[in-house]
Amino acid sequence: MMTTEGGASDRCTLQAADARRRPIAMVQLIATIGLALSTIVAVTAVSIGIARAEAFGIRGDGDTASLAIALLIGLLLSAMGGLTAIMADSPEKKS
């Protein structure tokens, strides 16, 4: 004869865990859709702002120091982000 202790409670726990996963997945789906929509709205707003400001229509004989500084800062931030991504994935830190 086999005896199982806590068999019914284990089944209830598993069923409760399955019931909890479904709403979490739904919340994650809604959050992902909301994030995608807000990103689209932000990109549209920035595009309209650039088009109205005509920032890229500036003549070449103007003062280009501010553009050079902006490009330097952008490249610096991109390099820092890439370095951070490489260091975060390094196998040396995994324990």
N, C-alpha and C. Protein backbone atom coordinates (compact mmCIF):
# COMPACT_ATOMS: atom_id res chain seq x y z
N MET A 1 0.84 -1.17 0.00
CA MET A 1 0.00 0.00 0.00
C MET A 1 0.89 1.24 0.00
N MET A 2 0.55 2.22 -0.84
CA MET A 2 1.31 3.45 -0.91
C MET A 2 0.60 4.55 -0.15
N THR A 3 1.37 5.28 0.55
CA THR A 3 0.80 6.43 1.24
C THR A 3 1.43 7.69 0.66
N THR A 4 0.61 8.65 0.39
CA THR A 4 1.10 9.93 -0.09
C THR A 4 0.66 11.00 0.89
N GLU A 5 1.61 11.67 1.41
CA GLU A 5 1.30 12.75 2.34
C GLU A 5 1.30 14.07 1.60
N GLY A 6 0.25 14.80 1.74
CA GLY A 6 0.19 16.11 1.12
C GLY A 6 -0.09 16.07 -0.37
N GLY A 7 -0.58 15.00 -0.90
CA GLY A 7 -0.84 14.91 -2.33
C GLY A 7 -1.91 15.87 -2.79
N ALA A 8 -2.98 15.97 -2.05
CA ALA A 8 -4.06 16.87 -2.43
C ALA A 8 -3.62 18.33 -2.32
N SER A 9 -2.84 18.64 -1.30
CA SER A 9 -2.40 20.03 -1.15
C SER A 9 -1.42 20.40 -2.25
N ASP A 10 -0.60 19.42 -2.70
CA ASP A 10 0.31 19.70 -3.81
C ASP A 10 -0.46 19.99 -5.09
N ARG A 11 -1.52 19.24 -5.33
CA ARG A 11 -2.34 19.49 -6.51
C ARG A 11 -3.00 20.85 -6.45
N CYS A 12 -3.48 21.22 -5.29
CA CYS A 12 -4.11 22.54 -5.13
C CYS A 12 -3.09 23.65 -5.35
N THR A 13 -1.88 23.42 -4.86
CA THR A 13 -0.83 24.42 -5.04
C THR A 13 -0.49 24.57 -6.51
N LEU A 14 -0.39 23.47 -7.24
CA LEU A 14 -0.09 23.52 -8.66
C LEU A 14 -1.21 24.20 -9.44
N GLN A 15 -2.45 23.89 -9.08
CA GLN A 15 -3.58 24.52 -9.77
C GLN A 15 -3.62 26.02 -9.48
N ALA A 16 -3.30 26.41 -8.26
CA ALA A 16 -3.28 27.84 -7.93
C ALA A 16 -2.16 28.55 -8.67
N ALA A 17 -1.02 27.87 -8.82
CA ALA A 17 0.10 28.47 -9.55
C ALA A 17 -0.26 28.66 -11.02
N ASP A 18 -0.95 27.68 -11.62
CA ASP A 18 -1.37 27.81 -13.00
C ASP A 18 -2.38 28.95 -13.16
N ALA A 19 -3.26 29.08 -12.19
CA ALA A 19 -4.27 30.14 -12.26
C ALA A 19 -3.62 31.51 -12.15
N ARG A 20 -2.51 31.62 -11.41
CA ARG A 20 -1.85 32.91 -11.25
C ARG A 20 -1.04 33.29 -12.48
N ARG A 21 -0.54 32.34 -13.22
CA ARG A 21 0.30 32.64 -14.37
C ARG A 21 -0.50 33.28 -15.50
N ARG A 22 -1.72 32.92 -15.66
CA ARG A 22 -2.50 33.48 -16.76
C ARG A 22 -2.71 34.98 -16.62
N PRO A 23 -3.12 35.49 -15.45
CA PRO A 23 -3.27 36.94 -15.35
C PRO A 23 -1.94 37.68 -15.49
N ILE A 24 -0.84 37.10 -15.02
CA ILE A 24 0.45 37.75 -15.15
C ILE A 24 0.82 37.89 -16.62
N ALA A 25 0.57 36.84 -17.40
CA ALA A 25 0.86 36.90 -18.83
C ALA A 25 0.00 37.96 -19.51
N MET A 26 -1.25 38.09 -19.09
CA MET A 26 -2.13 39.09 -19.67
C MET A 26 -1.64 40.51 -19.33
N VAL A 27 -1.20 40.70 -18.09
CA VAL A 27 -0.68 42.00 -17.68
C VAL A 27 0.59 42.34 -18.46
N GLN A 28 1.45 41.34 -18.66
CA GLN A 28 2.67 41.57 -19.43
C GLN A 28 2.34 41.92 -20.88
N LEU A 29 1.36 41.26 -21.45
CA LEU A 29 0.95 41.55 -22.82
C LEU A 29 0.41 42.97 -22.94
N ILE A 30 -0.42 43.37 -22.00
CA ILE A 30 -0.97 44.73 -22.01
C ILE A 30 0.14 45.76 -21.83
N ALA A 31 1.09 45.49 -20.94
CA ALA A 31 2.20 46.42 -20.73
C ALA A 31 3.07 46.54 -21.98
N THR A 32 3.29 45.42 -22.67
CA THR A 32 4.09 45.44 -23.89
C THR A 32 3.39 46.24 -24.98
N ILE A 33 2.10 46.06 -25.13
CA ILE A 33 1.35 46.81 -26.13
C ILE A 33 1.35 48.30 -25.78
N GLY A 34 1.18 48.62 -24.51
CA GLY A 34 1.23 50.03 -24.09
C GLY A 34 2.58 50.65 -24.35
N LEU A 35 3.65 49.91 -24.09
CA LEU A 35 4.99 50.42 -24.34
C LEU A 35 5.23 50.64 -25.84
N ALA A 36 4.74 49.72 -26.65
CA ALA A 36 4.91 49.86 -28.11
C ALA A 36 4.14 51.09 -28.61
N LEU A 37 2.93 51.27 -28.14
CA LEU A 37 2.14 52.43 -28.57
C LEU A 37 2.76 53.74 -28.12
N SER A 38 3.26 53.79 -26.88
CA SER A 38 3.87 55.03 -26.41
C SER A 38 5.17 55.32 -27.15
N THR A 39 5.90 54.28 -27.55
CA THR A 39 7.10 54.48 -28.35
C THR A 39 6.75 55.06 -29.71
N ILE A 40 5.69 54.56 -30.31
CA ILE A 40 5.26 55.08 -31.62
C ILE A 40 4.85 56.55 -31.49
N VAL A 41 4.13 56.88 -30.43
CA VAL A 41 3.72 58.27 -30.23
C VAL A 41 4.94 59.17 -30.02
N ALA A 42 5.92 58.71 -29.24
CA ALA A 42 7.12 59.51 -29.00
C ALA A 42 7.92 59.71 -30.28
N VAL A 43 8.06 58.67 -31.09
CA VAL A 43 8.79 58.79 -32.35
C VAL A 43 8.08 59.76 -33.28
N THR A 44 6.77 59.70 -33.32
CA THR A 44 6.00 60.61 -34.17
C THR A 44 6.18 62.05 -33.70
N ALA A 45 6.12 62.28 -32.40
CA ALA A 45 6.28 63.65 -31.87
C ALA A 45 7.66 64.20 -32.17
N VAL A 46 8.68 63.37 -32.00
CA VAL A 46 10.05 63.83 -32.28
C VAL A 46 10.21 64.11 -33.77
N SER A 47 9.65 63.27 -34.61
CA SER A 47 9.75 63.47 -36.05
C SER A 47 9.08 64.77 -36.48
N ILE A 48 7.92 65.05 -35.91
CA ILE A 48 7.23 66.29 -36.23
C ILE A 48 8.05 67.49 -35.74
N GLY A 49 8.64 67.37 -34.56
CA GLY A 49 9.47 68.45 -34.02
C GLY A 49 10.68 68.72 -34.89
N ILE A 50 11.33 67.66 -35.36
CA ILE A 50 12.49 67.84 -36.25
C ILE A 50 12.06 68.48 -37.56
N ALA A 51 10.93 68.06 -38.10
CA ALA A 51 10.46 68.60 -39.37
C ALA A 51 10.11 70.08 -39.25
N ARG A 52 9.52 70.46 -38.13
CA ARG A 52 9.14 71.86 -37.95
C ARG A 52 10.34 72.74 -37.65
N ALA A 53 11.34 72.19 -36.98
CA ALA A 53 12.51 72.99 -36.62
C ALA A 53 13.48 73.12 -37.78
N GLU A 54 13.37 72.25 -38.74
CA GLU A 54 14.27 72.23 -39.88
C GLU A 54 15.73 72.20 -39.42
N ALA A 55 16.01 71.34 -38.46
CA ALA A 55 17.35 71.27 -37.87
C ALA A 55 18.37 70.76 -38.87
N PHE A 56 17.96 69.92 -39.78
CA PHE A 56 18.92 69.36 -40.72
C PHE A 56 19.01 70.20 -42.00
N GLY A 57 18.27 71.29 -42.07
CA GLY A 57 18.33 72.15 -43.23
C GLY A 57 19.25 73.34 -43.07
N ILE A 58 20.06 73.32 -42.01
CA ILE A 58 20.98 74.43 -41.75
C ILE A 58 22.09 74.40 -42.80
N ARG A 59 22.47 75.58 -43.23
CA ARG A 59 23.51 75.66 -44.26
C ARG A 59 24.85 75.24 -43.70
N GLY A 60 25.71 74.79 -44.57
CA GLY A 60 27.02 74.29 -44.17
C GLY A 60 27.99 75.35 -43.71
N ASP A 61 27.76 76.61 -44.09
CA ASP A 61 28.70 77.65 -43.70
C ASP A 61 28.38 78.27 -42.34
N GLY A 62 27.43 77.69 -41.63
CA GLY A 62 27.09 78.18 -40.30
C GLY A 62 28.03 77.63 -39.24
N ASP A 63 27.71 77.91 -37.99
CA ASP A 63 28.53 77.44 -36.88
C ASP A 63 28.25 75.96 -36.66
N THR A 64 29.24 75.13 -36.88
CA THR A 64 29.05 73.69 -36.77
C THR A 64 29.61 73.12 -35.48
N ALA A 65 30.06 73.97 -34.57
CA ALA A 65 30.64 73.49 -33.32
C ALA A 65 29.59 72.77 -32.47
N SER A 66 28.38 73.31 -32.42
CA SER A 66 27.35 72.67 -31.61
C SER A 66 26.97 71.30 -32.16
N LEU A 67 26.95 71.17 -33.48
CA LEU A 67 26.66 69.87 -34.08
C LEU A 67 27.78 68.88 -33.77
N ALA A 68 29.02 69.33 -33.82
CA ALA A 68 30.15 68.46 -33.52
C ALA A 68 30.12 68.00 -32.06
N ILE A 69 29.79 68.91 -31.16
CA ILE A 69 29.71 68.54 -29.75
C ILE A 69 28.57 67.56 -29.52
N ALA A 70 27.43 67.77 -30.15
CA ALA A 70 26.31 66.85 -30.00
C ALA A 70 26.66 65.46 -30.54
N LEU A 71 27.34 65.42 -31.68
CA LEU A 71 27.75 64.12 -32.22
C LEU A 71 28.76 63.43 -31.32
N LEU A 72 29.68 64.18 -30.74
CA LEU A 72 30.66 63.61 -29.83
C LEU A 72 29.99 63.02 -28.60
N ILE A 73 29.06 63.75 -28.02
CA ILE A 73 28.33 63.25 -26.85
C ILE A 73 27.52 62.01 -27.21
N GLY A 74 26.87 62.01 -28.37
CA GLY A 74 26.11 60.85 -28.80
C GLY A 74 26.98 59.63 -29.00
N LEU A 75 28.14 59.81 -29.62
CA LEU A 75 29.06 58.69 -29.80
C LEU A 75 29.60 58.19 -28.47
N LEU A 76 29.88 59.10 -27.55
CA LEU A 76 30.36 58.72 -26.23
C LEU A 76 29.32 57.89 -25.48
N LEU A 77 28.07 58.33 -25.52
CA LEU A 77 27.00 57.57 -24.85
C LEU A 77 26.78 56.21 -25.51
N SER A 78 26.89 56.15 -26.82
CA SER A 78 26.75 54.86 -27.51
C SER A 78 27.88 53.92 -27.13
N ALA A 79 29.09 54.43 -27.06
CA ALA A 79 30.24 53.61 -26.67
C ALA A 79 30.10 53.11 -25.23
N MET A 80 29.62 53.98 -24.35
CA MET A 80 29.42 53.56 -22.96
C MET A 80 28.35 52.48 -22.86
N GLY A 81 27.28 52.62 -23.63
CA GLY A 81 26.23 51.60 -23.63
C GLY A 81 26.73 50.27 -24.17
N GLY A 82 27.52 50.32 -25.23
CA GLY A 82 28.08 49.09 -25.78
C GLY A 82 29.03 48.42 -24.81
N LEU A 83 29.87 49.20 -24.16
CA LEU A 83 30.80 48.65 -23.18
C LEU A 83 30.05 48.04 -22.00
N THR A 84 28.99 48.69 -21.56
CA THR A 84 28.18 48.15 -20.47
C THR A 84 27.54 46.83 -20.87
N ALA A 85 27.04 46.73 -22.10
CA ALA A 85 26.43 45.50 -22.57
C ALA A 85 27.46 44.38 -22.66
N ILE A 86 28.65 44.70 -23.10
CA ILE A 86 29.70 43.68 -23.19
C ILE A 86 30.10 43.20 -21.79
N MET A 87 30.27 44.12 -20.87
CA MET A 87 30.69 43.76 -19.52
C MET A 87 29.59 43.00 -18.77
N ALA A 88 28.34 43.31 -19.04
CA ALA A 88 27.24 42.62 -18.36
C ALA A 88 27.13 41.18 -18.81
N ASP A 89 27.60 40.87 -20.00
CA ASP A 89 27.49 39.53 -20.54
C ASP A 89 28.77 38.71 -20.34
N SER A 90 29.78 39.29 -19.68
CA SER A 90 31.04 38.59 -19.54
C SER A 90 30.88 37.38 -18.62
N PRO A 91 31.47 36.24 -18.97
CA PRO A 91 31.33 35.03 -18.16
C PRO A 91 32.15 35.07 -16.87
N GLU A 92 33.04 36.03 -16.70
CA GLU A 92 33.87 36.11 -15.51
C GLU A 92 33.06 36.43 -14.27
N LYS A 93 32.04 37.22 -14.40
CA LYS A 93 31.25 37.66 -13.25
C LYS A 93 30.20 36.64 -12.83
N LYS A 94 29.92 35.65 -13.64
CA LYS A 94 28.87 34.68 -13.31
C LYS A 94 29.35 33.77 -12.19
N SER A 95 28.50 33.62 -11.18
CA SER A 95 28.89 32.74 -10.07
C SER A 95 27.76 31.83 -9.68
